[in-house]
Amino acid sequence: MATKSKVTTLNRAQTKESKRAALPNLEPSLIQKCKAKLLETKSEILNRFVQMKQEIVVAETTGDEADQSSRSMAEQSSVAMSNRLRTQLLEIEGALSRIEMGTYGICEETEEPIEPQRLLAIPWTRLSLEGAEIREAAERRYAR
């Protein structure tokens, strides 16, 4: 019984590999455009981190309760923005890694090619439109 399970697992892995090998490759020019956008966005995010850090260092620590409350709200907003930027930076790093591995542009949900227009608009995306719809439907179903 264990042997059959191993064979089934092996067949699934081989099927996934053959499916990926059968996928049409993306145009090299499209990959280069997406990579350039990824690197540009990464640079912008890193610059925003530096700018946010400088703004926090410059902030005053004196003032009345209203000033301190206002400063606290600004810090909370800054932390939230920092978390969003960090998440986006991780997505960008993942996309750059997929470019290097040769798996860039393959939907994680459907294992089909992601639409070129979608890659140009959101170069770090991991899902095609169909894959995004499938994932959103699953999230709605299990969110109840």
N, C-alpha and C. Protein backbone atom coordinates (compact mmCIF):
# COMPACT_ATOMS: atom_id res chain seq x y z
N MET A 1 0.82 -1.19 0.00
CA MET A 1 0.00 0.00 0.00
C MET A 1 0.86 1.25 0.00
N ALA A 2 1.96 1.24 0.78
CA ALA A 2 2.85 2.39 0.82
C ALA A 2 3.51 2.62 -0.52
N THR A 3 3.81 1.53 -1.24
CA THR A 3 4.44 1.65 -2.54
C THR A 3 3.50 2.34 -3.52
N LYS A 4 2.21 1.99 -3.47
CA LYS A 4 1.24 2.62 -4.36
C LYS A 4 1.15 4.12 -4.09
N SER A 5 1.21 4.50 -2.82
CA SER A 5 1.17 5.91 -2.46
C SER A 5 2.38 6.65 -3.00
N LYS A 6 3.56 6.00 -2.90
CA LYS A 6 4.78 6.62 -3.42
C LYS A 6 4.70 6.79 -4.93
N VAL A 7 4.16 5.78 -5.61
CA VAL A 7 4.03 5.84 -7.07
C VAL A 7 3.07 6.95 -7.46
N THR A 8 1.95 7.07 -6.74
CA THR A 8 0.98 8.12 -7.02
C THR A 8 1.60 9.49 -6.83
N THR A 9 2.34 9.66 -5.73
CA THR A 9 3.02 10.93 -5.47
C THR A 9 4.03 11.23 -6.56
N LEU A 10 4.78 10.23 -6.98
CA LEU A 10 5.77 10.40 -8.03
C LEU A 10 5.09 10.77 -9.34
N ASN A 11 3.98 10.11 -9.67
CA ASN A 11 3.25 10.42 -10.90
C ASN A 11 2.73 11.85 -10.88
N ARG A 12 2.24 12.31 -9.73
CA ARG A 12 1.75 13.69 -9.63
C ARG A 12 2.89 14.68 -9.87
N ALA A 13 4.04 14.40 -9.27
CA ALA A 13 5.20 15.29 -9.45
C ALA A 13 5.64 15.31 -10.90
N GLN A 14 5.66 14.13 -11.54
CA GLN A 14 6.06 14.07 -12.95
C GLN A 14 5.04 14.80 -13.82
N THR A 15 3.74 14.67 -13.49
CA THR A 15 2.71 15.35 -14.25
C THR A 15 2.88 16.86 -14.15
N LYS A 16 3.15 17.36 -12.93
CA LYS A 16 3.37 18.79 -12.76
C LYS A 16 4.57 19.25 -13.57
N GLU A 17 5.66 18.49 -13.50
CA GLU A 17 6.87 18.86 -14.23
C GLU A 17 6.63 18.85 -15.73
N SER A 18 5.94 17.82 -16.24
CA SER A 18 5.69 17.77 -17.68
C SER A 18 4.74 18.88 -18.10
N LYS A 19 3.78 19.22 -17.22
CA LYS A 19 2.87 20.32 -17.50
C LYS A 19 3.63 21.63 -17.61
N ARG A 20 4.56 21.87 -16.68
CA ARG A 20 5.35 23.09 -16.72
C ARG A 20 6.27 23.12 -17.94
N ALA A 21 6.82 21.96 -18.28
CA ALA A 21 7.70 21.90 -19.45
C ALA A 21 6.93 22.16 -20.73
N ALA A 22 5.63 21.81 -20.74
CA ALA A 22 4.82 21.98 -21.93
C ALA A 22 4.31 23.40 -22.09
N LEU A 23 4.42 24.20 -21.05
CA LEU A 23 3.94 25.57 -21.13
C LEU A 23 4.77 26.40 -22.11
N PRO A 24 4.11 27.26 -22.87
CA PRO A 24 4.89 28.12 -23.76
C PRO A 24 5.70 29.12 -22.95
N ASN A 25 6.91 29.35 -23.38
CA ASN A 25 7.76 30.32 -22.69
C ASN A 25 7.29 31.73 -22.99
N LEU A 26 7.49 32.60 -22.03
CA LEU A 26 7.14 34.00 -22.23
C LEU A 26 8.18 34.64 -23.16
N GLU A 27 7.76 35.67 -23.83
CA GLU A 27 8.68 36.42 -24.69
C GLU A 27 9.80 37.00 -23.83
N PRO A 28 11.05 36.86 -24.26
CA PRO A 28 12.15 37.44 -23.48
C PRO A 28 12.00 38.94 -23.25
N SER A 29 11.43 39.66 -24.22
CA SER A 29 11.25 41.10 -24.06
C SER A 29 10.24 41.39 -22.95
N LEU A 30 9.20 40.57 -22.83
CA LEU A 30 8.21 40.73 -21.76
C LEU A 30 8.87 40.49 -20.40
N ILE A 31 9.67 39.46 -20.31
CA ILE A 31 10.35 39.15 -19.05
C ILE A 31 11.29 40.30 -18.68
N GLN A 32 12.00 40.85 -19.67
CA GLN A 32 12.92 41.96 -19.39
C GLN A 32 12.16 43.20 -18.92
N LYS A 33 11.02 43.49 -19.55
CA LYS A 33 10.21 44.64 -19.13
C LYS A 33 9.72 44.45 -17.69
N CYS A 34 9.24 43.24 -17.40
CA CYS A 34 8.74 42.96 -16.05
C CYS A 34 9.87 43.02 -15.04
N LYS A 35 11.03 42.50 -15.40
CA LYS A 35 12.17 42.53 -14.48
C LYS A 35 12.59 43.98 -14.21
N ALA A 36 12.60 44.80 -15.24
CA ALA A 36 12.95 46.21 -15.06
C ALA A 36 11.95 46.90 -14.13
N LYS A 37 10.65 46.61 -14.32
CA LYS A 37 9.63 47.19 -13.45
C LYS A 37 9.79 46.71 -12.02
N LEU A 38 10.11 45.43 -11.86
CA LEU A 38 10.31 44.87 -10.52
C LEU A 38 11.48 45.56 -9.82
N LEU A 39 12.58 45.71 -10.53
CA LEU A 39 13.76 46.35 -9.93
C LEU A 39 13.51 47.82 -9.61
N GLU A 40 12.77 48.50 -10.49
CA GLU A 40 12.44 49.91 -10.25
C GLU A 40 11.54 50.06 -9.02
N THR A 41 10.53 49.20 -8.93
CA THR A 41 9.62 49.25 -7.78
C THR A 41 10.35 48.89 -6.49
N LYS A 42 11.25 47.92 -6.58
CA LYS A 42 12.04 47.54 -5.40
C LYS A 42 12.87 48.72 -4.92
N SER A 43 13.49 49.42 -5.83
CA SER A 43 14.29 50.59 -5.49
C SER A 43 13.43 51.67 -4.84
N GLU A 44 12.25 51.92 -5.40
CA GLU A 44 11.35 52.92 -4.84
C GLU A 44 10.94 52.54 -3.41
N ILE A 45 10.65 51.27 -3.18
CA ILE A 45 10.24 50.82 -1.84
C ILE A 45 11.38 51.00 -0.86
N LEU A 46 12.58 50.62 -1.26
CA LEU A 46 13.72 50.77 -0.36
C LEU A 46 13.97 52.24 -0.04
N ASN A 47 13.81 53.12 -1.02
CA ASN A 47 13.95 54.56 -0.78
C ASN A 47 12.88 55.07 0.19
N ARG A 48 11.66 54.53 0.07
CA ARG A 48 10.60 54.94 0.99
C ARG A 48 10.90 54.50 2.41
N PHE A 49 11.50 53.31 2.56
CA PHE A 49 11.90 52.85 3.89
C PHE A 49 12.91 53.80 4.51
N VAL A 50 13.90 54.21 3.72
CA VAL A 50 14.92 55.14 4.22
C VAL A 50 14.26 56.46 4.61
N GLN A 51 13.39 56.97 3.77
CA GLN A 51 12.69 58.23 4.04
C GLN A 51 11.85 58.11 5.31
N MET A 52 11.12 57.01 5.47
CA MET A 52 10.28 56.83 6.65
C MET A 52 11.13 56.76 7.92
N LYS A 53 12.27 56.11 7.82
CA LYS A 53 13.16 56.01 8.97
C LYS A 53 13.67 57.40 9.38
N GLN A 54 14.03 58.21 8.40
CA GLN A 54 14.51 59.56 8.69
C GLN A 54 13.41 60.40 9.32
N GLU A 55 12.18 60.26 8.86
CA GLU A 55 11.07 61.02 9.42
C GLU A 55 10.81 60.64 10.87
N ILE A 56 10.97 59.37 11.20
CA ILE A 56 10.75 58.92 12.57
C ILE A 56 11.83 59.48 13.48
N VAL A 57 13.07 59.50 13.01
CA VAL A 57 14.19 60.01 13.82
C VAL A 57 14.01 61.49 14.10
N VAL A 58 13.49 62.25 13.14
CA VAL A 58 13.34 63.69 13.27
C VAL A 58 12.18 64.08 14.18
N ALA A 59 11.21 63.19 14.37
CA ALA A 59 10.01 63.51 15.13
C ALA A 59 10.34 63.98 16.55
N GLU A 60 9.62 65.00 16.98
CA GLU A 60 9.82 65.54 18.32
C GLU A 60 9.24 64.58 19.36
N THR A 61 9.73 64.70 20.58
CA THR A 61 9.19 63.88 21.66
C THR A 61 8.54 64.76 22.73
N THR A 62 8.43 66.04 22.48
CA THR A 62 7.80 66.94 23.45
C THR A 62 6.45 67.39 22.93
N GLY A 63 5.73 68.12 23.76
CA GLY A 63 4.44 68.66 23.35
C GLY A 63 3.35 68.22 24.30
N ASP A 64 2.17 68.80 24.09
CA ASP A 64 1.05 68.44 24.95
C ASP A 64 0.43 67.12 24.52
N GLU A 65 -0.67 66.74 25.18
CA GLU A 65 -1.31 65.46 24.90
C GLU A 65 -1.80 65.36 23.45
N ALA A 66 -2.31 66.44 22.91
CA ALA A 66 -2.80 66.43 21.53
C ALA A 66 -1.64 66.17 20.56
N ASP A 67 -0.50 66.81 20.81
CA ASP A 67 0.67 66.59 19.95
C ASP A 67 1.13 65.14 20.05
N GLN A 68 1.19 64.63 21.26
CA GLN A 68 1.64 63.25 21.46
C GLN A 68 0.67 62.26 20.83
N SER A 69 -0.62 62.53 20.95
CA SER A 69 -1.64 61.67 20.34
C SER A 69 -1.52 61.69 18.82
N SER A 70 -1.34 62.86 18.29
CA SER A 70 -1.18 63.01 16.84
C SER A 70 0.06 62.26 16.35
N ARG A 71 1.14 62.39 17.11
CA ARG A 71 2.38 61.71 16.76
C ARG A 71 2.21 60.19 16.83
N SER A 72 1.49 59.74 17.84
CA SER A 72 1.23 58.31 18.00
C SER A 72 0.44 57.75 16.82
N MET A 73 -0.57 58.49 16.38
CA MET A 73 -1.37 58.07 15.22
C MET A 73 -0.50 58.04 13.97
N ALA A 74 0.37 59.02 13.82
CA ALA A 74 1.27 59.05 12.66
C ALA A 74 2.22 57.85 12.68
N GLU A 75 2.71 57.49 13.87
CA GLU A 75 3.59 56.34 13.99
C GLU A 75 2.86 55.05 13.64
N GLN A 76 1.61 54.92 14.09
CA GLN A 76 0.82 53.73 13.76
C GLN A 76 0.60 53.63 12.26
N SER A 77 0.31 54.76 11.65
CA SER A 77 0.14 54.79 10.20
C SER A 77 1.43 54.40 9.49
N SER A 78 2.54 54.88 10.02
CA SER A 78 3.85 54.57 9.44
C SER A 78 4.16 53.08 9.56
N VAL A 79 3.81 52.49 10.69
CA VAL A 79 4.04 51.05 10.89
C VAL A 79 3.19 50.24 9.92
N ALA A 80 1.93 50.64 9.74
CA ALA A 80 1.05 49.94 8.80
C ALA A 80 1.60 50.04 7.38
N MET A 81 2.05 51.25 7.00
CA MET A 81 2.63 51.44 5.67
C MET A 81 3.89 50.59 5.51
N SER A 82 4.69 50.56 6.54
CA SER A 82 5.91 49.77 6.51
C SER A 82 5.61 48.29 6.30
N ASN A 83 4.58 47.79 6.95
CA ASN A 83 4.19 46.39 6.79
C ASN A 83 3.71 46.10 5.37
N ARG A 84 2.93 47.03 4.80
CA ARG A 84 2.48 46.84 3.41
C ARG A 84 3.66 46.85 2.44
N LEU A 85 4.60 47.78 2.66
CA LEU A 85 5.78 47.85 1.79
C LEU A 85 6.63 46.60 1.93
N ARG A 86 6.76 46.10 3.14
CA ARG A 86 7.55 44.89 3.38
C ARG A 86 6.93 43.69 2.65
N THR A 87 5.61 43.59 2.71
CA THR A 87 4.91 42.51 2.02
C THR A 87 5.12 42.62 0.51
N GLN A 88 5.01 43.84 -0.02
CA GLN A 88 5.21 44.04 -1.45
C GLN A 88 6.65 43.72 -1.84
N LEU A 89 7.59 44.10 -0.99
CA LEU A 89 8.99 43.81 -1.26
C LEU A 89 9.24 42.30 -1.31
N LEU A 90 8.61 41.55 -0.42
CA LEU A 90 8.74 40.09 -0.45
C LEU A 90 8.16 39.51 -1.74
N GLU A 91 7.03 40.06 -2.18
CA GLU A 91 6.42 39.61 -3.44
C GLU A 91 7.36 39.89 -4.62
N ILE A 92 7.99 41.05 -4.61
CA ILE A 92 8.92 41.42 -5.68
C ILE A 92 10.12 40.49 -5.68
N GLU A 93 10.66 40.23 -4.51
CA GLU A 93 11.80 39.31 -4.40
C GLU A 93 11.42 37.92 -4.90
N GLY A 94 10.21 37.49 -4.58
CA GLY A 94 9.73 36.20 -5.06
C GLY A 94 9.63 36.16 -6.58
N ALA A 95 9.13 37.24 -7.17
CA ALA A 95 9.01 37.31 -8.63
C ALA A 95 10.39 37.29 -9.28
N LEU A 96 11.34 38.03 -8.72
CA LEU A 96 12.70 38.02 -9.28
C LEU A 96 13.30 36.62 -9.17
N SER A 97 13.02 35.93 -8.09
CA SER A 97 13.50 34.57 -7.92
C SER A 97 12.86 33.63 -8.95
N ARG A 98 11.56 33.81 -9.20
CA ARG A 98 10.90 32.96 -10.20
C ARG A 98 11.46 33.22 -11.60
N ILE A 99 11.85 34.46 -11.88
CA ILE A 99 12.48 34.76 -13.17
C ILE A 99 13.77 33.96 -13.30
N GLU A 100 14.57 33.97 -12.23
CA GLU A 100 15.85 33.24 -12.26
C GLU A 100 15.64 31.73 -12.39
N MET A 101 14.58 31.20 -11.76
CA MET A 101 14.32 29.76 -11.79
C MET A 101 13.61 29.32 -13.06
N GLY A 102 13.09 30.29 -13.82
CA GLY A 102 12.39 29.94 -15.06
C GLY A 102 10.93 29.60 -14.86
N THR A 103 10.36 29.91 -13.69
CA THR A 103 8.95 29.62 -13.43
C THR A 103 8.10 30.88 -13.41
N TYR A 104 8.67 32.00 -13.80
CA TYR A 104 7.95 33.27 -13.80
C TYR A 104 6.82 33.23 -14.82
N GLY A 105 5.67 33.76 -14.44
CA GLY A 105 4.55 33.85 -15.36
C GLY A 105 3.64 32.64 -15.36
N ILE A 106 3.84 31.72 -14.39
CA ILE A 106 3.00 30.54 -14.29
C ILE A 106 2.10 30.71 -13.06
N CYS A 107 0.81 30.59 -13.26
CA CYS A 107 -0.17 30.77 -12.19
C CYS A 107 -0.01 29.67 -11.14
N GLU A 108 0.04 30.07 -9.88
CA GLU A 108 0.17 29.10 -8.80
C GLU A 108 -1.10 28.28 -8.60
N GLU A 109 -2.22 28.81 -9.02
CA GLU A 109 -3.50 28.13 -8.81
C GLU A 109 -3.83 27.18 -9.95
N THR A 110 -3.67 27.65 -11.19
CA THR A 110 -4.08 26.85 -12.35
C THR A 110 -2.90 26.20 -13.08
N GLU A 111 -1.69 26.64 -12.80
CA GLU A 111 -0.47 26.20 -13.46
C GLU A 111 -0.49 26.48 -14.96
N GLU A 112 -1.24 27.49 -15.34
CA GLU A 112 -1.30 27.95 -16.72
C GLU A 112 -0.56 29.29 -16.80
N PRO A 113 -0.20 29.71 -18.02
CA PRO A 113 0.49 31.01 -18.14
C PRO A 113 -0.37 32.18 -17.67
N ILE A 114 0.25 33.13 -17.02
CA ILE A 114 -0.43 34.35 -16.60
C ILE A 114 -0.48 35.29 -17.80
N GLU A 115 -1.58 36.01 -17.94
CA GLU A 115 -1.78 36.91 -19.06
C GLU A 115 -0.66 37.96 -19.11
N PRO A 116 -0.05 38.20 -20.29
CA PRO A 116 1.03 39.19 -20.40
C PRO A 116 0.63 40.58 -19.92
N GLN A 117 -0.61 41.01 -20.20
CA GLN A 117 -1.06 42.33 -19.77
C GLN A 117 -1.07 42.41 -18.24
N ARG A 118 -1.45 41.31 -17.60
CA ARG A 118 -1.49 41.26 -16.13
C ARG A 118 -0.07 41.34 -15.57
N LEU A 119 0.87 40.64 -16.20
CA LEU A 119 2.26 40.68 -15.75
C LEU A 119 2.84 42.09 -15.89
N LEU A 120 2.48 42.77 -16.97
CA LEU A 120 2.98 44.14 -17.15
C LEU A 120 2.38 45.10 -16.12
N ALA A 121 1.12 44.87 -15.77
CA ALA A 121 0.45 45.74 -14.80
C ALA A 121 0.92 45.46 -13.37
N ILE A 122 1.04 44.18 -13.03
CA ILE A 122 1.44 43.77 -11.68
C ILE A 122 2.52 42.69 -11.85
N PRO A 123 3.77 43.09 -12.08
CA PRO A 123 4.80 42.11 -12.42
C PRO A 123 5.11 41.10 -11.32
N TRP A 124 4.69 41.35 -10.10
CA TRP A 124 4.96 40.40 -9.01
C TRP A 124 3.79 39.44 -8.79
N THR A 125 2.76 39.52 -9.62
CA THR A 125 1.60 38.66 -9.43
C THR A 125 1.97 37.19 -9.56
N ARG A 126 1.27 36.36 -8.80
CA ARG A 126 1.49 34.91 -8.85
C ARG A 126 0.29 34.19 -9.42
N LEU A 127 -0.77 34.95 -9.74
CA LEU A 127 -2.01 34.34 -10.19
C LEU A 127 -2.50 34.96 -11.49
N SER A 128 -3.06 34.12 -12.35
CA SER A 128 -3.74 34.62 -13.53
C SER A 128 -5.10 35.15 -13.08
N LEU A 129 -5.85 35.75 -13.99
CA LEU A 129 -7.19 36.23 -13.62
C LEU A 129 -8.06 35.07 -13.15
N GLU A 130 -8.01 33.96 -13.87
CA GLU A 130 -8.80 32.79 -13.49
C GLU A 130 -8.35 32.26 -12.13
N GLY A 131 -7.05 32.20 -11.91
CA GLY A 131 -6.52 31.72 -10.63
C GLY A 131 -6.91 32.63 -9.48
N ALA A 132 -6.91 33.94 -9.72
CA ALA A 132 -7.32 34.90 -8.68
C ALA A 132 -8.80 34.71 -8.35
N GLU A 133 -9.63 34.48 -9.36
CA GLU A 133 -11.05 34.26 -9.12
C GLU A 133 -11.27 32.98 -8.32
N ILE A 134 -10.54 31.93 -8.65
CA ILE A 134 -10.65 30.66 -7.92
C ILE A 134 -10.26 30.85 -6.46
N ARG A 135 -9.14 31.53 -6.24
CA ARG A 135 -8.66 31.75 -4.87
C ARG A 135 -9.63 32.63 -4.07
N GLU A 136 -10.17 33.68 -4.71
CA GLU A 136 -11.12 34.55 -4.02
C GLU A 136 -12.40 33.81 -3.66
N ALA A 137 -12.87 32.95 -4.57
CA ALA A 137 -14.07 32.16 -4.29
C ALA A 137 -13.82 31.22 -3.11
N ALA A 138 -12.65 30.61 -3.07
CA ALA A 138 -12.31 29.71 -1.96
C ALA A 138 -12.22 30.49 -0.65
N GLU A 139 -11.65 31.67 -0.68
CA GLU A 139 -11.55 32.50 0.53
C GLU A 139 -12.91 32.92 1.03
N ARG A 140 -13.81 33.27 0.11
CA ARG A 140 -15.17 33.64 0.50
C ARG A 140 -15.89 32.44 1.12
N ARG A 141 -15.70 31.27 0.54
CA ARG A 141 -16.38 30.07 1.02
C ARG A 141 -15.92 29.71 2.42
N TYR A 142 -14.62 29.82 2.69
CA TYR A 142 -14.09 29.41 3.99
C TYR A 142 -14.07 30.54 5.02
N ALA A 143 -14.42 31.75 4.61
CA ALA A 143 -14.42 32.87 5.54
C ALA A 143 -15.66 32.87 6.43
N ARG A 144 -16.64 32.11 6.07
CA ARG A 144 -17.90 32.11 6.83
C ARG A 144 -17.79 31.38 8.10
